[in-house]
Amino acid sequence: MRSGLIRNLAGMLRRRAGRPSRRSGSPLSAPSSDTSDARFDAEYSPNIDGDPDPGEVVWTWVPYQEDPTQGKDRPVVVVGRRGDRLLGVALTSKDHPTEPQVVVGPGPWDNEGRVSYAKVGRLLEVDPRQVRREGAVLERRHFDDVVAGVRRAHHSA
């Protein structure tokens, strides 16, 4: 009886992994997480083919910094890779002068055409399987600005 209950619970968790919880909106296994190691090889290789690539803006779950058990689906600029994970920074339409940000301008990832800012102070590791969709290709000059901003914010070469 007990082993059947454990098997059922394990199966339910496998089916729900990566999906938002109805209660808090947080996934059971967070697809994006902060990384304290900002070393990475920047790579501009966008290819709108259904797979997320560096240089693209993709949509994925991003946990809130204040409470990583909650978060929301948001656009993220992919700047590189680390192993089988993507590295990126979230975009926001809000200018926060006290946080390290880089202006990337408006793009098709924002339905309202607002200017976007890359939040370069927070580098995210993203599981490519958790990317909901590709949003757009970021212009090369904006990509280079974002990478430079990440390196400045994290004092890495």
C-alpha atoms as a PDB file:
ATOM      1  CA  MET A   1       0.000   0.000   0.000  1.00  0.00           C
ATOM      2  CA  ARG A   2       2.694   2.473   1.032  1.00  0.00           C
ATOM      3  CA  SER A   3       4.951   1.712  -1.969  1.00  0.00           C
ATOM      4  CA  GLY A   4       1.976   2.210  -4.326  1.00  0.00           C
ATOM      5  CA  LEU A   5       1.325   5.623  -2.803  1.00  0.00           C
ATOM      6  CA  ILE A   6       4.994   6.589  -3.235  1.00  0.00           C
ATOM      7  CA  ARG A   7       4.947   5.382  -6.876  1.00  0.00           C
ATOM      8  CA  ASN A   8       1.797   7.408  -7.570  1.00  0.00           C
ATOM      9  CA  LEU A   9       3.292  10.514  -5.980  1.00  0.00           C
ATOM     10  CA  ALA A  10       6.554  10.104  -7.930  1.00  0.00           C
ATOM     11  CA  GLY A  11       4.618   9.721 -11.185  1.00  0.00           C
ATOM     12  CA  MET A  12       2.551  12.801 -10.444  1.00  0.00           C
ATOM     13  CA  LEU A  13       5.693  14.849  -9.737  1.00  0.00           C
ATOM     14  CA  ARG A  14       7.328  13.652 -12.977  1.00  0.00           C
ATOM     15  CA  ARG A  15       4.257  14.683 -14.982  1.00  0.00           C
ATOM     16  CA  ARG A  16       4.099  18.092 -13.308  1.00  0.00           C
ATOM     17  CA  ALA A  17       7.841  18.868 -13.310  1.00  0.00           C
ATOM     18  CA  GLY A  18       8.502  22.202 -14.923  1.00  0.00           C
ATOM     19  CA  ARG A  19       4.824  23.193 -15.005  1.00  0.00           C
ATOM     20  CA  PRO A  20       3.520  26.094 -12.937  1.00  0.00           C
ATOM     21  CA  SER A  21       1.848  25.119  -9.680  1.00  0.00           C
ATOM     22  CA  ARG A  22      -1.749  26.279  -9.447  1.00  0.00           C
ATOM     23  CA  ARG A  23      -1.210  27.606  -5.962  1.00  0.00           C
ATOM     24  CA  SER A  24       1.897  29.762  -6.225  1.00  0.00           C
ATOM     25  CA  GLY A  25       2.733  29.806  -9.928  1.00  0.00           C
ATOM     26  CA  SER A  26       6.168  28.338  -9.211  1.00  0.00           C
ATOM     27  CA  PRO A  27       7.449  25.275 -11.034  1.00  0.00           C
ATOM     28  CA  LEU A  28       8.286  22.182  -9.039  1.00  0.00           C
ATOM     29  CA  SER A  29      11.750  22.169 -10.599  1.00  0.00           C
ATOM     30  CA  ALA A  30      12.894  25.685 -11.374  1.00  0.00           C
ATOM     31  CA  PRO A  31      14.048  25.988 -14.981  1.00  0.00           C
ATOM     32  CA  SER A  32      15.997  29.182 -14.330  1.00  0.00           C
ATOM     33  CA  SER A  33      18.334  29.881 -11.459  1.00  0.00           C
ATOM     34  CA  ASP A  34      20.816  32.550 -10.505  1.00  0.00           C
ATOM     35  CA  THR A  35      24.439  31.727 -11.047  1.00  0.00           C
ATOM     36  CA  SER A  36      27.191  33.296  -8.996  1.00  0.00           C
ATOM     37  CA  ASP A  37      29.809  32.248 -11.557  1.00  0.00           C
ATOM     38  CA  ALA A  38      29.628  34.864 -14.310  1.00  0.00           C
ATOM     39  CA  ARG A  39      32.387  33.318 -16.429  1.00  0.00           C
ATOM     40  CA  PHE A  40      31.115  32.247 -19.822  1.00  0.00           C
ATOM     41  CA  ASP A  41      31.978  32.381 -23.484  1.00  0.00           C
ATOM     42  CA  ALA A  42      29.694  34.821 -25.247  1.00  0.00           C
ATOM     43  CA  GLU A  43      28.368  33.412 -28.468  1.00  0.00           C
ATOM     44  CA  TYR A  44      26.151  35.152 -31.010  1.00  0.00           C
ATOM     45  CA  SER A  45      24.522  32.363 -33.004  1.00  0.00           C
ATOM     46  CA  PRO A  46      20.788  33.012 -33.342  1.00  0.00           C
ATOM     47  CA  ASN A  47      18.855  30.569 -35.502  1.00  0.00           C
ATOM     48  CA  ILE A  48      15.068  30.649 -35.276  1.00  0.00           C
ATOM     49  CA  ASP A  49      14.623  26.909 -35.634  1.00  0.00           C
ATOM     50  CA  GLY A  50      12.652  25.983 -32.529  1.00  0.00           C
ATOM     51  CA  ASP A  51      15.782  25.547 -30.379  1.00  0.00           C
ATOM     52  CA  PRO A  52      16.934  28.433 -28.145  1.00  0.00           C
ATOM     53  CA  ASP A  53      20.310  29.882 -29.148  1.00  0.00           C
ATOM     54  CA  PRO A  54      22.591  32.677 -27.917  1.00  0.00           C
ATOM     55  CA  GLY A  55      21.528  35.978 -29.445  1.00  0.00           C
ATOM     56  CA  GLU A  56      17.833  35.152 -29.178  1.00  0.00           C
ATOM     57  CA  VAL A  57      15.191  36.464 -26.826  1.00  0.00           C
ATOM     58  CA  VAL A  58      13.267  33.489 -25.455  1.00  0.00           C
ATOM     59  CA  TRP A  59      10.420  33.084 -22.985  1.00  0.00           C
ATOM     60  CA  THR A  60      10.990  31.005 -19.866  1.00  0.00           C
ATOM     61  CA  TRP A  61      10.127  30.840 -16.187  1.00  0.00           C
ATOM     62  CA  VAL A  62      12.227  33.218 -14.073  1.00  0.00           C
ATOM     63  CA  PRO A  63      12.016  32.953 -10.264  1.00  0.00           C
ATOM     64  CA  TYR A  64      11.685  36.151  -8.264  1.00  0.00           C
ATOM     65  CA  GLN A  65      14.885  37.138  -6.461  1.00  0.00           C
ATOM     66  CA  GLU A  66      12.987  37.853  -3.247  1.00  0.00           C
ATOM     67  CA  ASP A  67      11.195  34.486  -3.268  1.00  0.00           C
ATOM     68  CA  PRO A  68      12.604  31.830  -5.645  1.00  0.00           C
ATOM     69  CA  THR A  69       9.574  29.598  -5.029  1.00  0.00           C
ATOM     70  CA  GLN A  70       7.562  32.096  -7.081  1.00  0.00           C
ATOM     71  CA  GLY A  71       8.204  33.868 -10.363  1.00  0.00           C
ATOM     72  CA  LYS A  72       6.791  34.422 -13.812  1.00  0.00           C
ATOM     73  CA  ASP A  73       7.246  33.672 -17.470  1.00  0.00           C
ATOM     74  CA  ARG A  74       9.360  36.428 -19.008  1.00  0.00           C
ATOM     75  CA  PRO A  75      11.648  37.268 -21.919  1.00  0.00           C
ATOM     76  CA  VAL A  76      15.316  36.361 -21.448  1.00  0.00           C
ATOM     77  CA  VAL A  77      18.266  37.264 -23.699  1.00  0.00           C
ATOM     78  CA  VAL A  78      20.436  34.185 -24.171  1.00  0.00           C
ATOM     79  CA  VAL A  79      24.120  35.262 -24.040  1.00  0.00           C
ATOM     80  CA  GLY A  80      25.955  31.924 -23.989  1.00  0.00           C
ATOM     81  CA  ARG A  81      26.075  28.369 -22.752  1.00  0.00           C
ATOM     82  CA  ARG A  82      27.546  26.474 -19.847  1.00  0.00           C
ATOM     83  CA  GLY A  83      27.504  22.749 -20.573  1.00  0.00           C
ATOM     84  CA  ASP A  84      23.978  21.798 -21.585  1.00  0.00           C
ATOM     85  CA  ARG A  85      22.468  24.920 -19.969  1.00  0.00           C
ATOM     86  CA  LEU A  86      21.851  28.348 -21.472  1.00  0.00           C
ATOM     87  CA  LEU A  87      23.020  31.540 -19.787  1.00  0.00           C
ATOM     88  CA  GLY A  88      20.875  34.621 -20.051  1.00  0.00           C
ATOM     89  CA  VAL A  89      19.527  37.780 -18.506  1.00  0.00           C
ATOM     90  CA  ALA A  90      15.900  38.760 -18.054  1.00  0.00           C
ATOM     91  CA  LEU A  91      14.366  41.687 -19.882  1.00  0.00           C
ATOM     92  CA  THR A  92      12.125  44.252 -18.249  1.00  0.00           C
ATOM     93  CA  SER A  93      10.195  47.257 -19.513  1.00  0.00           C
ATOM     94  CA  LYS A  94      10.945  49.146 -16.300  1.00  0.00           C
ATOM     95  CA  ASP A  95      14.019  51.323 -15.955  1.00  0.00           C
ATOM     96  CA  HIS A  96      15.569  50.783 -12.522  1.00  0.00           C
ATOM     97  CA  PRO A  97      18.381  53.372 -12.260  1.00  0.00           C
ATOM     98  CA  THR A  98      19.804  51.743  -9.117  1.00  0.00           C
ATOM     99  CA  GLU A  99      20.256  48.320 -10.779  1.00  0.00           C
ATOM    100  CA  PRO A 100      22.752  47.364 -13.486  1.00  0.00           C
ATOM    101  CA  GLN A 101      20.774  47.411 -16.741  1.00  0.00           C
ATOM    102  CA  VAL A 102      21.495  47.795 -20.439  1.00  0.00           C
ATOM    103  CA  VAL A 103      19.001  49.377 -22.841  1.00  0.00           C
ATOM    104  CA  VAL A 104      18.149  47.039 -25.724  1.00  0.00           C
ATOM    105  CA  GLY A 105      15.257  49.072 -27.119  1.00  0.00           C
ATOM    106  CA  PRO A 106      11.868  47.819 -28.271  1.00  0.00           C
ATOM    107  CA  GLY A 107      11.397  44.459 -29.907  1.00  0.00           C
ATOM    108  CA  PRO A 108       8.787  41.889 -30.942  1.00  0.00           C
ATOM    109  CA  TRP A 109       9.060  40.195 -27.524  1.00  0.00           C
ATOM    110  CA  ASP A 110       6.983  43.099 -26.121  1.00  0.00           C
ATOM    111  CA  ASN A 111       3.473  43.373 -27.570  1.00  0.00           C
ATOM    112  CA  GLU A 112       3.247  47.021 -26.536  1.00  0.00           C
ATOM    113  CA  GLY A 113       6.489  48.048 -28.283  1.00  0.00           C
ATOM    114  CA  ARG A 114       8.032  49.400 -25.082  1.00  0.00           C
ATOM    115  CA  VAL A 115      11.759  49.969 -24.623  1.00  0.00           C
ATOM    116  CA  SER A 116      13.336  46.990 -22.863  1.00  0.00           C
ATOM    117  CA  TYR A 117      16.221  46.794 -20.428  1.00  0.00           C
ATOM    118  CA  ALA A 118      18.452  43.766 -19.862  1.00  0.00           C
ATOM    119  CA  LYS A 119      18.892  43.084 -16.141  1.00  0.00           C
ATOM    120  CA  VAL A 120      22.635  42.345 -16.400  1.00  0.00           C
ATOM    121  CA  GLY A 121      23.178  42.129 -12.645  1.00  0.00           C
ATOM    122  CA  ARG A 122      21.446  38.743 -12.510  1.00  0.00           C
ATOM    123  CA  LEU A 123      22.835  35.978 -14.703  1.00  0.00           C
ATOM    124  CA  LEU A 124      20.448  33.045 -15.127  1.00  0.00           C
ATOM    125  CA  GLU A 125      21.088  29.410 -15.978  1.00  0.00           C
ATOM    126  CA  VAL A 126      18.237  28.118 -18.096  1.00  0.00           C
ATOM    127  CA  ASP A 127      17.385  24.545 -18.998  1.00  0.00           C
ATOM    128  CA  PRO A 128      16.731  24.692 -22.776  1.00  0.00           C
ATOM    129  CA  ARG A 129      13.843  22.232 -22.339  1.00  0.00           C
ATOM    130  CA  GLN A 130      12.079  24.806 -20.136  1.00  0.00           C
ATOM    131  CA  VAL A 131      12.066  27.527 -22.787  1.00  0.00           C
ATOM    132  CA  ARG A 132       8.462  28.118 -23.789  1.00  0.00           C
ATOM    133  CA  ARG A 133       9.205  29.804 -27.122  1.00  0.00           C
ATOM    134  CA  GLU A 134      11.686  31.814 -29.089  1.00  0.00           C
ATOM    135  CA  GLY A 135      10.686  35.470 -29.186  1.00  0.00           C
ATOM    136  CA  ALA A 136      13.077  37.202 -31.534  1.00  0.00           C
ATOM    137  CA  VAL A 137      16.687  37.739 -32.531  1.00  0.00           C
ATOM    138  CA  LEU A 138      18.429  40.547 -30.667  1.00  0.00           C
ATOM    139  CA  GLU A 139      20.457  42.840 -32.926  1.00  0.00           C
ATOM    140  CA  ARG A 140      24.187  42.103 -32.717  1.00  0.00           C
ATOM    141  CA  ARG A 141      25.062  45.548 -31.340  1.00  0.00           C
ATOM    142  CA  HIS A 142      22.527  45.156 -28.512  1.00  0.00           C
ATOM    143  CA  PHE A 143      23.785  41.626 -27.824  1.00  0.00           C
ATOM    144  CA  ASP A 144      27.358  42.942 -27.535  1.00  0.00           C
ATOM    145  CA  ASP A 145      26.159  45.708 -25.172  1.00  0.00           C
ATOM    146  CA  VAL A 146      24.365  43.135 -22.983  1.00  0.00           C
ATOM    147  CA  VAL A 147      27.447  40.878 -22.800  1.00  0.00           C
ATOM    148  CA  ALA A 148      29.643  43.870 -21.906  1.00  0.00           C
ATOM    149  CA  GLY A 149      27.103  44.869 -19.237  1.00  0.00           C
ATOM    150  CA  VAL A 150      27.111  41.351 -17.729  1.00  0.00           C
ATOM    151  CA  ARG A 151      30.906  41.365 -17.608  1.00  0.00           C
ATOM    152  CA  ARG A 152      30.973  44.829 -15.964  1.00  0.00           C
ATOM    153  CA  ALA A 153      28.290  43.900 -13.442  1.00  0.00           C
ATOM    154  CA  HIS A 154      30.081  40.712 -12.463  1.00  0.00           C
ATOM    155  CA  HIS A 155      33.641  42.043 -12.808  1.00  0.00           C
ATOM    156  CA  SER A 156      34.685  39.209 -15.106  1.00  0.00           C
ATOM    157  CA  ALA A 157      36.858  39.276 -18.172  1.00  0.00           C
END
